[in-house]
C-alpha cells in the first residue's frame, strides 16, 4: 500500500491527497499536480537441479522463517536480472552459477514486502562450496518427491 510510502510531494514538499487517477487511487499533490506511480518490485530466482535433486535454501528471516525456497532476491535498480540471480545464488548458497535459460515469469505479490514479479531462471553450478549465507540459514538439495515445507506460492509453482 502506498499510504505508508508516499506522504509528501517529491517536487514541492506539499502533503499528498489520494485521488482517483488513471483507474486507481493514487497519491496526488494538490499544489503542483505531481502523481505518484508505484513501480513493481522484481525478484530473480535460480532453479538448480543436480542428480535428480533441486537446490533449496531455508529462510533465516521473516517472512516464512524456517521454510524453504529457491535461491532468490530482489533485482536492484539498473541491475541485469540475470546478474541479480547469479548474485543472490552466490550470497545464499556459496555457489557460483551460470544461467542457462529462462523458465518462467511469475506474478503476484504474496506479502507486503514481496516481489510483484519473479523471474525464474535455470542455472548450473560453475564453482564454490555449498554454504548458506545472507538470509538463508541452510542450503540443501532435495529429491522432488521429498520437498520440505515451501515458503511461497511462487516457489511451489516453480517446482511443479
N, C-alpha and C. Protein backbone atom coordinates (compact mmCIF):
# COMPACT_ATOMS: atom_id res chain seq x y z
N UNK A 1 0.84 -1.17 0.00
CA UNK A 1 0.00 0.00 0.00
C UNK A 1 0.89 1.24 0.00
N UNK A 2 0.55 2.21 -0.82
CA UNK A 2 1.38 3.39 -0.96
C UNK A 2 1.18 4.40 0.16
N UNK A 3 0.17 4.26 1.00
CA UNK A 3 -0.09 5.27 2.03
C UNK A 3 1.08 5.41 2.99
N UNK A 4 1.84 4.35 3.24
CA UNK A 4 2.99 4.48 4.12
C UNK A 4 4.27 4.78 3.34
N UNK A 5 4.19 4.81 2.03
CA UNK A 5 5.35 5.09 1.20
C UNK A 5 5.41 6.57 0.84
N UNK A 6 4.30 7.13 0.42
CA UNK A 6 4.28 8.49 -0.08
C UNK A 6 3.31 9.34 0.73
N UNK A 7 3.87 10.32 1.42
CA UNK A 7 3.04 11.24 2.19
C UNK A 7 3.23 12.68 1.74
N UNK A 8 4.37 12.92 1.08
CA UNK A 8 4.68 14.28 0.64
C UNK A 8 5.15 14.27 -0.81
N UNK A 9 4.90 15.35 -1.51
CA UNK A 9 5.30 15.51 -2.90
C UNK A 9 6.82 15.63 -2.99
N UNK A 10 7.43 14.88 -3.91
CA UNK A 10 8.89 14.96 -4.07
C UNK A 10 9.31 16.21 -4.84
N UNK A 11 8.38 16.88 -5.47
CA UNK A 11 8.70 18.11 -6.21
C UNK A 11 8.62 19.36 -5.34
N UNK A 12 7.51 19.50 -4.57
CA UNK A 12 7.32 20.76 -3.84
C UNK A 12 7.19 20.58 -2.33
N UNK A 13 7.11 19.34 -1.85
CA UNK A 13 7.06 19.08 -0.42
C UNK A 13 5.68 19.15 0.21
N UNK A 14 4.66 19.46 -0.55
CA UNK A 14 3.30 19.52 -0.01
C UNK A 14 2.80 18.12 0.35
N UNK A 15 1.87 18.06 1.29
CA UNK A 15 1.24 16.78 1.61
C UNK A 15 0.39 16.31 0.45
N UNK A 16 0.42 15.01 0.17
CA UNK A 16 -0.35 14.48 -0.95
C UNK A 16 -1.76 14.13 -0.50
N UNK A 17 -2.65 14.04 -1.45
CA UNK A 17 -4.01 13.58 -1.24
C UNK A 17 -4.20 12.36 -2.14
N UNK A 18 -5.07 11.46 -1.71
CA UNK A 18 -5.36 10.29 -2.54
C UNK A 18 -6.56 10.61 -3.42
N UNK A 19 -6.34 10.49 -4.73
CA UNK A 19 -7.39 10.79 -5.70
C UNK A 19 -7.44 9.67 -6.73
N UNK A 20 -8.60 9.49 -7.31
CA UNK A 20 -8.76 8.51 -8.38
C UNK A 20 -8.12 9.06 -9.64
N UNK A 21 -7.03 8.46 -10.04
CA UNK A 21 -6.31 8.85 -11.26
C UNK A 21 -5.94 7.60 -12.04
N UNK A 22 -6.28 7.62 -13.32
CA UNK A 22 -5.95 6.51 -14.22
C UNK A 22 -6.45 5.17 -13.68
N UNK A 23 -7.65 5.19 -13.12
CA UNK A 23 -8.31 3.95 -12.74
C UNK A 23 -7.98 3.41 -11.36
N UNK A 24 -7.22 4.15 -10.56
CA UNK A 24 -6.95 3.68 -9.20
C UNK A 24 -6.62 4.85 -8.29
N UNK A 25 -6.73 4.62 -7.01
CA UNK A 25 -6.45 5.64 -6.01
C UNK A 25 -4.93 5.83 -5.92
N UNK A 26 -4.46 7.06 -6.19
CA UNK A 26 -3.03 7.35 -6.19
C UNK A 26 -2.73 8.62 -5.39
N UNK A 27 -1.51 8.71 -4.82
CA UNK A 27 -1.11 9.95 -4.17
C UNK A 27 -0.92 11.06 -5.22
N UNK A 28 -1.59 12.19 -4.99
CA UNK A 28 -1.53 13.32 -5.92
C UNK A 28 -1.22 14.58 -5.12
N UNK A 29 -0.33 15.41 -5.62
CA UNK A 29 -0.03 16.67 -4.96
C UNK A 29 -1.07 17.71 -5.36
N UNK A 30 -1.78 18.28 -4.39
CA UNK A 30 -2.80 19.28 -4.72
C UNK A 30 -2.19 20.62 -5.15
N UNK A 31 -0.90 20.84 -4.86
CA UNK A 31 -0.25 22.11 -5.21
C UNK A 31 0.29 22.12 -6.63
N UNK A 32 1.07 21.08 -7.00
CA UNK A 32 1.74 21.10 -8.31
C UNK A 32 1.21 20.05 -9.29
N UNK A 33 0.34 19.12 -8.80
CA UNK A 33 -0.25 18.13 -9.69
C UNK A 33 0.55 16.85 -9.88
N UNK A 34 1.70 16.73 -9.22
CA UNK A 34 2.52 15.52 -9.34
C UNK A 34 1.71 14.30 -8.90
N UNK A 35 1.85 13.20 -9.63
CA UNK A 35 1.15 11.94 -9.32
C UNK A 35 2.21 10.87 -9.06
N UNK A 36 2.05 10.12 -7.99
CA UNK A 36 2.97 9.03 -7.69
C UNK A 36 2.47 7.74 -8.33
N UNK A 37 3.35 7.12 -9.13
CA UNK A 37 3.08 5.82 -9.73
C UNK A 37 4.07 4.83 -9.12
N UNK A 38 3.56 3.87 -8.37
CA UNK A 38 4.43 2.90 -7.72
C UNK A 38 4.99 1.92 -8.75
N UNK A 39 6.30 1.71 -8.71
CA UNK A 39 6.94 0.74 -9.59
C UNK A 39 6.84 -0.66 -8.98
N UNK A 40 6.75 -1.69 -9.82
CA UNK A 40 6.70 -3.04 -9.27
C UNK A 40 8.06 -3.47 -8.73
N UNK A 41 8.04 -4.32 -7.72
CA UNK A 41 9.27 -4.91 -7.20
C UNK A 41 9.52 -6.19 -7.99
N UNK A 42 10.76 -6.37 -8.40
CA UNK A 42 11.14 -7.52 -9.22
C UNK A 42 12.18 -8.35 -8.47
N UNK A 43 12.00 -9.66 -8.49
CA UNK A 43 12.97 -10.58 -7.90
C UNK A 43 13.41 -11.58 -8.96
N UNK A 44 14.57 -12.16 -8.73
CA UNK A 44 15.10 -13.19 -9.63
C UNK A 44 15.45 -14.42 -8.80
N UNK A 45 15.13 -15.59 -9.33
CA UNK A 45 15.39 -16.86 -8.65
C UNK A 45 16.11 -17.81 -9.60
N UNK A 46 16.81 -18.77 -9.00
CA UNK A 46 17.55 -19.75 -9.80
C UNK A 46 17.09 -21.15 -9.42
N UNK A 47 16.72 -21.92 -10.43
CA UNK A 47 16.37 -23.33 -10.28
C UNK A 47 17.59 -24.14 -10.69
N UNK A 48 18.18 -24.84 -9.72
CA UNK A 48 19.36 -25.67 -9.98
C UNK A 48 19.00 -27.10 -9.63
N UNK A 49 19.16 -27.98 -10.61
CA UNK A 49 18.90 -29.40 -10.39
C UNK A 49 20.19 -30.17 -10.63
N UNK A 50 20.43 -31.15 -9.75
CA UNK A 50 21.64 -31.96 -9.85
C UNK A 50 21.31 -33.35 -9.34
N UNK A 51 21.60 -34.34 -10.14
CA UNK A 51 21.35 -35.74 -9.76
C UNK A 51 19.91 -35.97 -9.33
N UNK A 52 18.97 -35.34 -10.04
CA UNK A 52 17.56 -35.52 -9.75
C UNK A 52 17.07 -34.77 -8.52
N UNK A 53 17.89 -33.90 -7.99
CA UNK A 53 17.51 -33.14 -6.80
C UNK A 53 17.54 -31.65 -7.13
N UNK A 54 16.75 -30.87 -6.36
CA UNK A 54 16.65 -29.43 -6.55
C UNK A 54 17.28 -28.71 -5.35
N UNK A 55 17.98 -27.63 -5.63
CA UNK A 55 18.64 -26.85 -4.59
C UNK A 55 17.65 -25.87 -3.96
N UNK A 56 17.53 -25.93 -2.63
CA UNK A 56 16.67 -25.02 -1.88
C UNK A 56 17.47 -24.41 -0.73
N UNK A 57 17.00 -23.25 -0.28
CA UNK A 57 17.58 -22.60 0.89
C UNK A 57 16.49 -22.43 1.94
N UNK A 58 16.88 -22.59 3.21
CA UNK A 58 15.93 -22.37 4.29
C UNK A 58 16.03 -20.91 4.73
N UNK A 59 14.89 -20.27 4.79
CA UNK A 59 14.84 -18.86 5.14
C UNK A 59 15.18 -18.66 6.61
N UNK A 60 16.16 -17.80 6.86
CA UNK A 60 16.55 -17.48 8.22
C UNK A 60 15.92 -16.20 8.72
N UNK A 61 15.06 -15.60 7.89
CA UNK A 61 14.40 -14.34 8.24
C UNK A 61 12.93 -14.41 7.87
N UNK A 62 12.14 -13.53 8.48
CA UNK A 62 10.74 -13.42 8.11
C UNK A 62 10.61 -12.60 6.84
N UNK A 63 9.60 -12.79 6.05
CA UNK A 63 8.51 -13.73 6.28
C UNK A 63 8.93 -15.17 5.95
N UNK A 64 8.19 -16.09 6.51
CA UNK A 64 8.39 -17.52 6.25
C UNK A 64 9.70 -18.07 6.79
N UNK A 65 10.20 -17.51 7.89
CA UNK A 65 11.41 -18.04 8.52
C UNK A 65 11.24 -19.53 8.79
N UNK A 66 12.24 -20.32 8.43
CA UNK A 66 12.20 -21.76 8.66
C UNK A 66 11.64 -22.57 7.51
N UNK A 67 11.01 -21.90 6.55
CA UNK A 67 10.51 -22.58 5.36
C UNK A 67 11.56 -22.48 4.25
N UNK A 68 11.37 -23.23 3.20
CA UNK A 68 12.38 -23.34 2.15
C UNK A 68 11.92 -22.67 0.86
N UNK A 69 12.89 -22.17 0.11
CA UNK A 69 12.60 -21.55 -1.18
C UNK A 69 13.80 -21.72 -2.11
N UNK A 70 13.61 -21.34 -3.33
CA UNK A 70 14.72 -21.30 -4.28
C UNK A 70 15.64 -20.15 -3.91
N UNK A 71 16.93 -20.23 -4.24
CA UNK A 71 17.80 -19.07 -4.05
C UNK A 71 17.24 -17.91 -4.88
N UNK A 72 16.97 -16.79 -4.22
CA UNK A 72 16.30 -15.68 -4.91
C UNK A 72 16.48 -14.39 -4.13
N UNK A 73 16.23 -13.28 -4.82
CA UNK A 73 16.26 -11.99 -4.16
C UNK A 73 15.88 -10.88 -5.12
N UNK A 74 15.83 -9.68 -4.59
CA UNK A 74 15.41 -8.53 -5.38
C UNK A 74 16.45 -8.12 -6.41
N UNK A 75 15.95 -7.66 -7.53
CA UNK A 75 16.79 -7.07 -8.58
C UNK A 75 16.94 -5.59 -8.23
N UNK A 76 18.18 -5.12 -8.13
CA UNK A 76 18.42 -3.70 -7.85
C UNK A 76 18.12 -2.86 -9.08
N UNK A 77 17.83 -1.59 -8.87
CA UNK A 77 17.61 -0.67 -9.99
C UNK A 77 18.81 -0.69 -10.92
N UNK A 78 18.55 -0.76 -12.20
CA UNK A 78 19.57 -0.78 -13.25
C UNK A 78 20.48 -2.01 -13.21
N UNK A 79 20.08 -3.05 -12.49
CA UNK A 79 20.84 -4.30 -12.45
C UNK A 79 20.22 -5.28 -13.44
N UNK A 80 21.06 -5.96 -14.19
CA UNK A 80 20.60 -7.01 -15.10
C UNK A 80 19.99 -8.13 -14.25
N UNK A 81 18.76 -8.57 -14.53
CA UNK A 81 18.14 -9.62 -13.73
C UNK A 81 18.95 -10.92 -13.71
N UNK A 82 19.65 -11.24 -14.79
CA UNK A 82 20.49 -12.44 -14.80
C UNK A 82 21.61 -12.28 -13.77
N UNK A 83 22.23 -11.11 -13.74
CA UNK A 83 23.29 -10.86 -12.76
C UNK A 83 22.75 -10.88 -11.34
N UNK A 84 21.53 -10.40 -11.16
CA UNK A 84 20.90 -10.44 -9.83
C UNK A 84 20.69 -11.89 -9.39
N UNK A 85 20.24 -12.73 -10.29
CA UNK A 85 20.02 -14.14 -9.96
C UNK A 85 21.33 -14.82 -9.57
N UNK A 86 22.39 -14.56 -10.33
CA UNK A 86 23.71 -15.13 -10.04
C UNK A 86 24.20 -14.62 -8.68
N UNK A 87 24.06 -13.31 -8.44
CA UNK A 87 24.49 -12.70 -7.18
C UNK A 87 23.75 -13.29 -5.99
N UNK A 88 22.43 -13.36 -6.10
CA UNK A 88 21.62 -13.88 -4.99
C UNK A 88 21.96 -15.34 -4.70
N UNK A 89 22.17 -16.12 -5.74
CA UNK A 89 22.51 -17.53 -5.54
C UNK A 89 23.85 -17.65 -4.80
N UNK A 90 24.82 -16.86 -5.21
CA UNK A 90 26.13 -16.88 -4.54
C UNK A 90 25.99 -16.46 -3.08
N UNK A 91 25.23 -15.38 -2.83
CA UNK A 91 25.05 -14.89 -1.46
C UNK A 91 24.37 -15.93 -0.57
N UNK A 92 23.40 -16.64 -1.09
CA UNK A 92 22.60 -17.55 -0.27
C UNK A 92 23.13 -18.97 -0.21
N UNK A 93 23.96 -19.37 -1.19
CA UNK A 93 24.41 -20.77 -1.23
C UNK A 93 25.92 -20.95 -1.28
N UNK A 94 26.67 -19.90 -1.56
CA UNK A 94 28.11 -20.04 -1.72
C UNK A 94 28.51 -20.61 -3.08
N UNK A 95 27.54 -20.80 -3.96
CA UNK A 95 27.81 -21.40 -5.27
C UNK A 95 27.79 -20.35 -6.38
N UNK A 96 28.80 -20.39 -7.22
CA UNK A 96 28.83 -19.56 -8.43
C UNK A 96 28.08 -20.35 -9.50
N UNK A 97 27.08 -19.73 -10.10
CA UNK A 97 26.28 -20.43 -11.10
C UNK A 97 26.31 -19.69 -12.43
N UNK A 98 25.96 -20.43 -13.46
CA UNK A 98 25.79 -19.86 -14.79
C UNK A 98 24.34 -20.05 -15.15
N UNK A 99 23.70 -18.99 -15.61
CA UNK A 99 22.31 -19.07 -16.02
C UNK A 99 22.25 -19.70 -17.41
N UNK A 100 21.39 -20.72 -17.53
CA UNK A 100 21.30 -21.44 -18.80
C UNK A 100 19.99 -21.19 -19.54
N UNK A 101 19.05 -20.53 -18.89
CA UNK A 101 17.80 -20.23 -19.58
C UNK A 101 16.75 -19.63 -18.68
N UNK A 102 15.75 -19.09 -19.31
CA UNK A 102 14.59 -18.52 -18.62
C UNK A 102 13.54 -19.61 -18.51
N UNK A 103 13.03 -19.82 -17.31
CA UNK A 103 12.00 -20.84 -17.09
C UNK A 103 10.61 -20.22 -17.16
N UNK A 104 10.41 -19.14 -16.38
CA UNK A 104 9.07 -18.58 -16.27
C UNK A 104 9.09 -17.23 -15.57
N UNK A 105 8.06 -16.44 -15.85
CA UNK A 105 7.79 -15.21 -15.09
C UNK A 105 6.56 -15.50 -14.23
N UNK A 106 6.68 -15.24 -12.93
CA UNK A 106 5.58 -15.50 -12.01
C UNK A 106 5.18 -14.16 -11.40
N UNK A 107 3.89 -13.84 -11.48
CA UNK A 107 3.45 -12.55 -10.94
C UNK A 107 2.53 -12.74 -9.75
N UNK A 108 2.45 -11.69 -8.95
CA UNK A 108 1.55 -11.69 -7.79
C UNK A 108 2.29 -11.52 -6.49
N UNK A 109 2.15 -10.37 -5.87
CA UNK A 109 2.81 -10.10 -4.59
C UNK A 109 2.14 -10.92 -3.50
N UNK A 110 2.94 -11.70 -2.76
CA UNK A 110 2.40 -12.60 -1.75
C UNK A 110 2.39 -12.00 -0.35
N UNK A 111 3.18 -10.98 -0.12
CA UNK A 111 3.20 -10.32 1.18
C UNK A 111 3.67 -8.88 0.97
N UNK A 112 3.49 -8.04 1.97
CA UNK A 112 3.72 -6.60 1.83
C UNK A 112 5.11 -6.24 1.35
N UNK A 113 6.12 -7.01 1.72
CA UNK A 113 7.49 -6.69 1.32
C UNK A 113 7.98 -7.56 0.17
N UNK A 114 7.07 -8.29 -0.47
CA UNK A 114 7.45 -9.22 -1.52
C UNK A 114 7.53 -8.60 -2.90
N UNK A 115 7.92 -9.42 -3.84
CA UNK A 115 8.04 -9.00 -5.23
C UNK A 115 6.70 -9.12 -5.94
N UNK A 116 6.51 -8.25 -6.92
CA UNK A 116 5.33 -8.33 -7.78
C UNK A 116 5.59 -9.29 -8.94
N UNK A 117 6.85 -9.38 -9.34
CA UNK A 117 7.26 -10.21 -10.47
C UNK A 117 8.49 -11.02 -10.06
N UNK A 118 8.44 -12.32 -10.25
CA UNK A 118 9.59 -13.20 -10.02
C UNK A 118 10.04 -13.74 -11.37
N UNK A 119 11.29 -13.50 -11.69
CA UNK A 119 11.88 -14.04 -12.92
C UNK A 119 12.63 -15.30 -12.52
N UNK A 120 12.17 -16.43 -13.03
CA UNK A 120 12.76 -17.73 -12.68
C UNK A 120 13.69 -18.20 -13.80
N UNK A 121 14.96 -18.39 -13.44
CA UNK A 121 15.97 -18.87 -14.37
C UNK A 121 16.38 -20.29 -14.01
N UNK A 122 16.88 -21.01 -15.00
CA UNK A 122 17.53 -22.29 -14.77
C UNK A 122 19.02 -22.01 -14.74
N UNK A 123 19.73 -22.68 -13.83
CA UNK A 123 21.17 -22.46 -13.73
C UNK A 123 21.92 -23.75 -13.49
N UNK A 124 23.24 -23.66 -13.67
CA UNK A 124 24.11 -24.80 -13.37
C UNK A 124 25.29 -24.30 -12.55
N UNK A 125 25.78 -25.16 -11.69
CA UNK A 125 26.88 -24.80 -10.80
C UNK A 125 28.18 -24.75 -11.58
N UNK A 126 28.93 -23.67 -11.38
CA UNK A 126 30.23 -23.48 -12.01
C UNK A 126 31.34 -23.79 -11.00
N UNK A 127 31.18 -23.28 -9.77
CA UNK A 127 32.19 -23.49 -8.73
C UNK A 127 31.60 -23.14 -7.38
N UNK A 128 32.41 -23.35 -6.35
CA UNK A 128 32.00 -22.98 -4.99
C UNK A 128 31.69 -24.19 -4.14
N UNK A 129 31.42 -23.91 -2.88
CA UNK A 129 31.08 -24.94 -1.91
C UNK A 129 29.74 -24.57 -1.29
N UNK A 130 28.84 -25.52 -1.22
CA UNK A 130 27.51 -25.26 -0.70
C UNK A 130 27.59 -24.82 0.77
N UNK A 131 27.34 -23.52 0.97
CA UNK A 131 27.40 -22.90 2.29
C UNK A 131 26.31 -21.84 2.38
N UNK A 132 25.40 -21.96 3.34
CA UNK A 132 24.34 -20.95 3.43
C UNK A 132 24.90 -19.59 3.83
N UNK A 133 24.22 -18.54 3.39
CA UNK A 133 24.63 -17.19 3.74
C UNK A 133 23.50 -16.22 3.53
N UNK A 134 23.79 -14.96 3.81
CA UNK A 134 22.84 -13.86 3.68
C UNK A 134 21.59 -14.17 4.51
N UNK A 135 20.41 -14.26 3.91
CA UNK A 135 19.21 -14.51 4.71
C UNK A 135 18.80 -15.98 4.71
N UNK A 136 19.71 -16.87 4.28
CA UNK A 136 19.46 -18.31 4.32
C UNK A 136 20.31 -18.92 5.43
N UNK A 137 19.71 -19.80 6.25
CA UNK A 137 20.50 -20.43 7.30
C UNK A 137 20.85 -21.89 6.99
N UNK A 138 20.28 -22.44 5.92
CA UNK A 138 20.64 -23.76 5.43
C UNK A 138 20.49 -23.77 3.92
N UNK A 139 21.28 -24.58 3.26
CA UNK A 139 21.16 -24.78 1.81
C UNK A 139 21.36 -26.27 1.56
N UNK A 140 20.45 -26.87 0.76
CA UNK A 140 20.48 -28.32 0.62
C UNK A 140 19.77 -28.74 -0.66
N UNK A 141 20.19 -29.87 -1.22
CA UNK A 141 19.50 -30.46 -2.36
C UNK A 141 18.44 -31.44 -1.84
N UNK A 142 17.27 -31.44 -2.50
CA UNK A 142 16.17 -32.32 -2.13
C UNK A 142 15.63 -33.04 -3.36
N UNK A 143 15.30 -34.34 -3.22
CA UNK A 143 14.56 -35.00 -4.29
C UNK A 143 13.19 -34.33 -4.43
N UNK A 144 12.69 -34.26 -5.63
CA UNK A 144 11.39 -33.59 -5.85
C UNK A 144 10.24 -34.26 -5.10
N UNK A 145 10.36 -35.54 -4.82
CA UNK A 145 9.28 -36.22 -4.11
C UNK A 145 9.46 -36.17 -2.59
N UNK A 146 10.48 -35.42 -2.12
CA UNK A 146 10.71 -35.28 -0.68
C UNK A 146 11.02 -33.82 -0.32
N UNK A 147 10.25 -32.91 -0.89
CA UNK A 147 10.47 -31.50 -0.65
C UNK A 147 10.04 -31.11 0.77
N UNK A 148 10.77 -30.20 1.41
CA UNK A 148 10.37 -29.71 2.73
C UNK A 148 9.23 -28.70 2.62
N UNK A 149 8.86 -28.11 3.74
CA UNK A 149 7.83 -27.07 3.75
C UNK A 149 8.31 -25.88 2.93
N UNK A 150 7.59 -25.56 1.86
CA UNK A 150 8.00 -24.48 0.96
C UNK A 150 7.40 -23.16 1.40
N UNK A 151 8.21 -22.10 1.24
CA UNK A 151 7.86 -20.79 1.78
C UNK A 151 6.76 -20.06 1.02
N UNK A 152 6.77 -20.09 -0.29
CA UNK A 152 5.88 -19.22 -1.05
C UNK A 152 5.16 -19.96 -2.16
N UNK A 153 4.02 -19.43 -2.56
CA UNK A 153 3.28 -20.00 -3.68
C UNK A 153 4.13 -19.98 -4.95
N UNK A 154 4.93 -18.92 -5.12
CA UNK A 154 5.80 -18.84 -6.30
C UNK A 154 6.82 -19.98 -6.31
N UNK A 155 7.33 -20.36 -5.14
CA UNK A 155 8.27 -21.48 -5.05
C UNK A 155 7.56 -22.77 -5.43
N UNK A 156 6.35 -22.96 -4.91
CA UNK A 156 5.59 -24.18 -5.24
C UNK A 156 5.30 -24.24 -6.73
N UNK A 157 4.92 -23.11 -7.31
CA UNK A 157 4.63 -23.07 -8.74
C UNK A 157 5.89 -23.37 -9.55
N UNK A 158 7.01 -22.81 -9.15
CA UNK A 158 8.27 -23.01 -9.86
C UNK A 158 8.69 -24.46 -9.86
N UNK A 159 8.35 -25.19 -8.80
CA UNK A 159 8.77 -26.58 -8.68
C UNK A 159 7.77 -27.58 -9.23
N UNK A 160 6.64 -27.09 -9.76
CA UNK A 160 5.64 -28.01 -10.34
C UNK A 160 6.13 -28.53 -11.67
